[in-house]
Amino acid sequence: MIRADLHIHTIATPWDEPFDFNFEQLRQHIEENRLDVIAITNHNTFDKAQYEVVAQKLSDLCMVYPGVEVNALGCHILIVCKPEEAANLELACSEVDKILGGNIQASLDLNQLFVAFPSLNELIVIPHYEKNPAISLENLSELGEYVSAVEVSSLAKAIRLNKIHSLPHPAVFFTDYRFGCESADGARERYRPGGIYLKAASKSFQAVRDAFNFDDLLLSASGNDDFEFFPGATVISGMNLILGKRSTGKTFSLDRIFHFAAKAKHITSSKESSSTPVKRAAFIRTSPVASRA
C-alpha cells in the first residue's frame, strides 16, 4: 500500500539562504504520517531548481513528484508528472503565466489547458470537486478520461462520494499542506493527510497513476474496510475499544479521534473519564399518550 499526499505547497525561499528550518517542518509531516509519495504543487508555478533540492533532501524518506495547482476551467486542478518531466512542467507553467498574465483570478479554458499541457493524458489530473473553487459537472465531463480523481475538502466527503459512486472518478482528500509558513507548526492538526491509501505495486509514477480507481483506493493499509484515522491505528464500524497500560497513548489517541469527530457533521461524540465520578440523572422513558375524541 502506498500513502500519498499530492497537495503540498512550498514557500518561495532564495536557495542561497538556509533552508533547514522550513524544510524540517515538511520532513516532520512526512515522518509522522508515514508518507510514501508526495507532490510539490505550488499555485500556477513550478520551480525546477527548488523541486530538485526538495526531492534530494527527501530521497531517504519518500518519492517526490513535480506538480502544480493550476487555475483552469473555473477551478483549481492538481497536475502531477514524472520526475524526469520536471523541465517540461516548468515550461508548461511558463505558458500558464503567459496566458493568465499573472492574474490570479483568471482561469485557463479547455483549449488553453491543452496548449500548456499537451500531454495531459499522461499525467495525474485531479480537479477540485466539493472544494472551492470547484469544477462544474459540465467541465468535469469535458475533461472526461483525462481526470485521475477529484479532490474534496474533507475525508467524510471522499468516503461518501466513493461509497455511492455518483461520479465516474474516485474522490481523494489531501492535506493542502503549506510548509514553511509561520503558522504551520501552531496548527499541525490541520495538516494530516486523509486516510487514503493506494493499492499500488510500487512508488513509481505509473503505478501510482494507475491506482487512482475505486478498487485500489483504500482507507487503511491493511486493505480491508477498516478506517485508519492516523498511521497504525484503525477503527471499524460499531463499537471500538482502546486498551493499554498507563502512558501508552490512549488519551492521545482519543483526543485525535474527538478532534476529527468534531469536524464531521454526521458523527456524534462524547467523552467521559472513568476516573472522575459522574452524577447521572435518572433515566425516564416517556411516550405520547393517545387521546380519544
Protein backbone atom coordinates (compact mmCIF):
# COMPACT_ATOMS: atom_id res chain seq x y z
CA MET A 1 0.00 0.00 0.00
CA ILE A 2 1.19 3.49 -0.87
CA ARG A 3 0.16 6.52 1.15
CA ALA A 4 0.28 9.63 -0.98
CA ASP A 5 -0.12 13.34 -0.25
CA LEU A 6 -0.19 15.09 -3.61
CA HIS A 7 -1.13 18.60 -2.50
CA ILE A 8 1.88 20.16 -0.79
CA HIS A 9 2.92 23.79 -1.24
CA THR A 10 6.38 25.15 -0.57
CA ILE A 11 7.31 28.67 0.45
CA ALA A 12 9.39 30.60 -2.05
CA THR A 13 12.86 30.80 -0.50
CA PRO A 14 16.13 32.09 -2.03
CA TRP A 15 18.22 28.93 -2.35
CA ASP A 16 21.39 30.71 -1.27
CA GLU A 17 19.83 31.14 2.20
CA PRO A 18 19.49 28.50 4.94
CA PHE A 19 16.50 26.25 4.29
CA ASP A 20 16.78 23.75 7.16
CA PHE A 21 14.17 25.29 9.50
CA ASN A 22 11.39 25.40 6.91
CA PHE A 23 12.39 22.07 5.47
CA GLU A 24 12.22 20.29 8.84
CA GLN A 25 8.55 21.21 9.05
CA LEU A 26 7.84 19.19 5.90
CA ARG A 27 10.14 16.37 6.95
CA GLN A 28 8.28 16.03 10.24
CA HIS A 29 4.96 15.94 8.36
CA ILE A 30 6.23 13.06 6.19
CA GLU A 31 7.71 11.07 9.08
CA GLU A 32 4.68 11.44 11.37
CA ASN A 33 2.25 10.37 8.67
CA ARG A 34 4.46 7.69 7.09
CA LEU A 35 4.05 9.12 3.62
CA ASP A 36 5.44 7.16 0.67
CA VAL A 37 4.76 9.71 -2.06
CA ILE A 38 4.25 13.48 -2.11
CA ALA A 39 3.92 16.07 -4.87
CA ILE A 40 5.02 19.69 -4.74
CA THR A 41 2.05 21.63 -6.15
CA ASN A 42 2.61 25.37 -5.86
CA HIS A 43 -0.04 27.63 -7.37
CA ASN A 44 0.29 28.26 -11.13
CA THR A 45 4.05 27.91 -10.92
CA PHE A 46 6.80 25.30 -10.75
CA ASP A 47 10.41 25.92 -9.80
CA LYS A 48 12.53 23.04 -11.11
CA ALA A 49 15.60 24.02 -9.06
CA GLN A 50 13.56 24.14 -5.86
CA TYR A 51 11.89 20.81 -6.66
CA GLU A 52 15.24 19.10 -7.19
CA VAL A 53 16.55 20.34 -3.83
CA VAL A 54 13.41 19.11 -2.03
CA ALA A 55 13.49 15.73 -3.82
CA GLN A 56 17.16 15.22 -2.96
CA LYS A 57 16.67 16.16 0.68
CA LEU A 58 13.73 13.74 1.00
CA SER A 59 15.24 10.87 -1.00
CA ASP A 60 15.73 8.81 2.17
CA LEU A 61 12.05 9.23 3.16
CA CYS A 62 9.73 9.23 0.17
CA MET A 63 9.25 9.74 -3.54
CA VAL A 64 8.71 13.37 -4.56
CA TYR A 65 6.83 14.15 -7.77
CA PRO A 66 6.80 17.52 -9.56
CA GLY A 67 3.39 19.14 -9.83
CA VAL A 68 1.34 22.32 -9.96
CA GLU A 69 -2.07 23.54 -8.83
CA VAL A 70 -3.34 25.45 -11.84
CA ASN A 71 -6.30 27.81 -12.36
CA ALA A 72 -8.33 26.17 -15.11
CA LEU A 73 -11.98 25.65 -16.05
CA GLY A 74 -13.07 27.96 -13.23
CA CYS A 75 -11.49 25.75 -10.55
CA HIS A 76 -8.12 24.56 -9.28
CA ILE A 77 -6.64 21.44 -10.87
CA LEU A 78 -3.71 19.44 -9.49
CA ILE A 79 -1.41 18.24 -12.27
CA VAL A 80 1.43 15.87 -11.37
CA CYS A 81 4.09 14.36 -13.66
CA LYS A 82 7.11 12.06 -13.63
CA PRO A 83 10.35 13.39 -12.05
CA GLU A 84 12.08 13.22 -15.44
CA GLU A 85 9.39 15.54 -16.84
CA ALA A 86 10.22 18.37 -14.42
CA ALA A 87 11.76 20.54 -17.14
CA ASN A 88 8.64 20.16 -19.31
CA LEU A 89 6.44 21.08 -16.34
CA GLU A 90 8.46 24.26 -15.80
CA LEU A 91 7.90 25.19 -19.46
CA ALA A 92 4.18 24.42 -19.11
CA CYS A 93 3.92 26.74 -16.10
CA SER A 94 5.69 29.47 -18.06
CA GLU A 95 2.96 29.08 -20.69
CA VAL A 96 0.30 29.29 -17.96
CA ASP A 97 1.84 32.54 -16.69
CA LYS A 98 1.95 33.93 -20.23
CA ILE A 99 -1.74 33.09 -20.84
CA LEU A 100 -3.01 34.32 -17.47
CA GLY A 101 -0.70 37.32 -17.33
CA GLY A 102 -0.17 36.89 -13.60
CA ASN A 103 -3.88 37.40 -12.88
CA ILE A 104 -4.63 35.00 -10.02
CA GLN A 105 -8.37 35.42 -10.63
CA ALA A 106 -8.13 34.35 -14.28
CA SER A 107 -8.57 30.75 -15.40
CA LEU A 108 -7.47 28.69 -18.40
CA ASP A 109 -10.20 27.44 -20.69
CA LEU A 110 -10.06 23.87 -22.02
CA ASN A 111 -8.13 24.74 -25.19
CA GLN A 112 -5.60 26.81 -23.23
CA LEU A 113 -5.16 23.94 -20.76
CA PHE A 114 -4.23 21.61 -23.64
CA VAL A 115 -1.87 24.23 -25.08
CA ALA A 116 0.00 24.46 -21.78
CA PHE A 117 -0.15 20.71 -21.07
CA PRO A 118 -0.19 18.90 -24.43
CA SER A 119 0.50 15.52 -22.75
CA LEU A 120 -2.36 15.79 -20.26
CA ASN A 121 -3.38 12.18 -20.93
CA GLU A 122 -0.05 11.00 -19.47
CA LEU A 123 -0.30 12.98 -16.23
CA ILE A 124 -2.13 12.71 -12.91
CA VAL A 125 -5.01 15.19 -13.17
CA ILE A 126 -7.11 15.94 -10.06
CA PRO A 127 -9.57 18.88 -10.14
CA HIS A 128 -11.25 20.34 -7.05
CA TYR A 129 -14.75 18.95 -6.52
CA GLU A 130 -16.83 19.89 -3.47
CA LYS A 131 -13.84 22.03 -2.59
CA ASN A 132 -13.67 25.72 -3.51
CA PRO A 133 -13.13 26.72 -6.21
CA ALA A 134 -14.85 23.59 -7.50
CA ILE A 135 -15.16 22.29 -11.05
CA SER A 136 -18.64 22.21 -12.54
CA LEU A 137 -20.17 18.92 -13.64
CA GLU A 138 -20.17 20.22 -17.21
CA ASN A 139 -16.44 20.96 -17.15
CA LEU A 140 -15.72 17.70 -15.34
CA SER A 141 -17.47 15.90 -18.18
CA GLU A 142 -15.42 17.90 -20.72
CA LEU A 143 -12.19 16.76 -19.09
CA GLY A 144 -13.54 13.21 -19.15
CA GLU A 145 -10.90 10.50 -19.41
CA TYR A 146 -8.07 12.89 -18.52
CA VAL A 147 -9.27 13.00 -14.89
CA SER A 148 -7.50 10.64 -12.47
CA ALA A 149 -9.58 11.56 -9.41
CA VAL A 150 -11.36 14.53 -7.83
CA GLU A 151 -10.15 16.28 -4.68
CA VAL A 152 -12.64 17.18 -1.94
CA SER A 153 -12.32 19.26 1.22
CA SER A 154 -12.80 16.51 3.82
CA LEU A 155 -12.33 12.79 4.28
CA ALA A 156 -16.03 12.42 5.09
CA LYS A 157 -16.88 13.77 1.61
CA ALA A 158 -14.40 11.41 -0.03
CA ILE A 159 -15.86 8.40 1.80
CA ARG A 160 -19.42 9.40 0.89
CA LEU A 161 -18.70 10.01 -2.80
CA ASN A 162 -16.71 6.79 -3.18
CA LYS A 163 -19.43 4.79 -1.47
CA ILE A 164 -22.29 6.00 -3.67
CA HIS A 165 -20.22 6.13 -6.90
CA SER A 166 -22.04 9.28 -8.00
CA LEU A 167 -19.05 10.25 -10.18
CA PRO A 168 -17.02 8.27 -12.73
CA HIS A 169 -13.88 9.22 -10.81
CA PRO A 170 -12.81 8.37 -7.23
CA ALA A 171 -12.61 11.16 -4.63
CA VAL A 172 -9.46 11.85 -2.63
CA PHE A 173 -8.56 14.10 0.27
CA PHE A 174 -5.08 15.59 0.71
CA THR A 175 -3.71 17.96 3.34
CA ASP A 176 -3.22 21.03 1.13
CA TYR A 177 -0.15 21.47 3.32
CA ARG A 178 1.83 24.75 3.20
CA PHE A 179 5.17 24.03 4.76
CA GLY A 180 7.48 26.83 5.78
CA CYS A 181 4.73 29.25 6.83
CA GLU A 182 4.94 30.64 10.36
CA SER A 183 1.53 29.32 11.40
CA ALA A 184 2.00 25.74 10.23
CA ASP A 185 3.68 24.47 13.41
CA GLY A 186 0.95 26.00 15.53
CA ALA A 187 -1.81 24.32 13.52
CA ARG A 188 -0.37 20.88 12.89
CA GLU A 189 -3.73 19.17 13.35
CA ARG A 190 -4.88 20.82 10.11
CA TYR A 191 -2.09 19.14 8.21
CA ARG A 192 -3.00 15.47 8.44
CA PRO A 193 -3.40 13.59 5.16
CA GLY A 194 -6.70 11.84 4.64
CA GLY A 195 -6.96 8.11 5.20
CA ILE A 196 -6.33 7.43 1.55
CA TYR A 197 -4.11 4.52 0.54
CA LEU A 198 -3.35 3.42 -3.00
CA LYS A 199 -3.05 -0.27 -3.78
CA ALA A 200 -0.03 0.40 -5.97
CA ALA A 201 2.68 -2.11 -6.82
CA SER A 202 5.41 0.48 -6.24
CA LYS A 203 6.09 4.18 -5.76
CA SER A 204 6.71 4.64 -9.47
CA PHE A 205 4.67 7.32 -11.19
CA GLN A 206 2.84 4.89 -13.46
CA ALA A 207 1.92 2.57 -10.57
CA VAL A 208 0.55 5.49 -8.53
CA ARG A 209 -1.33 6.92 -11.53
CA ASP A 210 -2.91 3.55 -12.30
CA ALA A 211 -4.02 3.13 -8.68
CA PHE A 212 -6.46 6.06 -8.83
CA ASN A 213 -9.55 3.94 -9.24
CA PHE A 214 -12.38 2.78 -6.99
CA ASP A 215 -10.94 -0.71 -6.45
CA ASP A 216 -7.44 0.43 -5.49
CA LEU A 217 -8.37 3.41 -3.29
CA LEU A 218 -8.41 2.22 0.34
CA LEU A 219 -8.96 3.67 3.81
CA SER A 220 -6.34 1.62 5.63
CA ALA A 221 -3.01 -0.03 4.91
CA SER A 222 -4.50 -3.42 5.85
CA GLY A 223 -6.58 -3.42 2.69
CA ASN A 224 -9.86 -4.23 4.45
CA ASP A 225 -12.82 -1.96 5.21
CA ASP A 226 -11.31 -0.51 8.39
CA PHE A 227 -10.55 3.20 8.61
CA GLU A 228 -7.04 4.29 9.61
CA PHE A 229 -7.56 7.61 11.36
CA PHE A 230 -3.81 8.00 11.78
CA PRO A 231 -0.92 5.67 10.88
CA GLY A 232 -1.04 2.41 12.79
CA ALA A 233 -4.47 2.95 14.40
CA THR A 234 -7.65 1.78 12.69
CA VAL A 235 -11.32 1.69 13.66
CA ILE A 236 -14.19 -0.41 12.39
CA SER A 237 -17.93 0.21 12.16
CA GLY A 238 -19.65 -0.13 15.54
CA MET A 239 -18.03 -0.06 18.96
CA ASN A 240 -14.25 0.20 19.31
CA LEU A 241 -12.27 -0.43 22.50
CA ILE A 242 -8.85 1.03 23.25
CA LEU A 243 -6.79 -0.95 25.78
CA GLY A 244 -3.36 -0.17 27.11
CA LYS A 245 -1.26 0.47 30.18
CA ARG A 246 -0.73 3.94 31.56
CA SER A 247 1.29 6.28 29.30
CA THR A 248 0.84 4.12 26.20
CA GLY A 249 -1.01 6.80 24.22
CA LYS A 250 -4.68 6.11 24.99
CA THR A 251 -5.50 9.74 25.82
CA PHE A 252 -3.56 10.99 22.80
CA SER A 253 -5.47 8.60 20.53
CA LEU A 254 -8.84 9.59 21.99
CA ASP A 255 -8.03 13.27 21.60
CA ARG A 256 -7.22 12.67 17.94
CA ILE A 257 -10.49 10.79 17.43
CA PHE A 258 -12.55 13.53 19.05
CA HIS A 259 -10.68 16.20 17.13
CA PHE A 260 -11.73 14.66 13.81
CA ALA A 261 -15.20 13.66 15.01
CA ALA A 262 -15.91 17.27 15.93
CA LYS A 263 -15.39 18.24 12.27
CA ALA A 264 -17.73 15.57 10.90
CA LYS A 265 -21.38 16.61 10.96
CA HIS A 266 -22.63 13.02 10.74
CA ILE A 267 -20.77 11.89 13.89
CA THR A 268 -21.99 12.48 17.43
CA SER A 269 -19.35 12.06 20.12
CA SER A 270 -19.00 12.34 23.88
CA LYS A 271 -16.06 11.87 26.18
CA GLU A 272 -16.08 10.74 29.79
CA SER A 273 -13.26 9.96 32.20
CA SER A 274 -13.80 6.76 34.20
CA SER A 275 -11.58 8.10 36.98
CA THR A 276 -13.91 11.02 37.65
CA PRO A 277 -17.24 10.33 39.43
CA VAL A 278 -20.14 11.43 37.27
CA LYS A 279 -23.53 12.18 38.75
CA ARG A 280 -26.15 10.75 36.41
CA ALA A 281 -29.74 11.87 36.18
CA ALA A 282 -32.42 9.21 36.41
CA PHE A 283 -33.44 7.80 33.06
CA ILE A 284 -37.16 8.25 32.46
CA ARG A 285 -38.86 6.68 29.48
CA THR A 286 -41.69 8.79 28.11
CA SER A 287 -44.21 8.12 25.39
CA PRO A 288 -47.03 10.15 23.86
CA VAL A 289 -50.49 9.46 25.29
CA ALA A 290 -53.19 8.87 22.71
CA SER A 291 -56.50 10.58 23.41
CA ARG A 292 -59.87 9.68 22.05
CA ALA A 293 -62.22 12.24 20.61
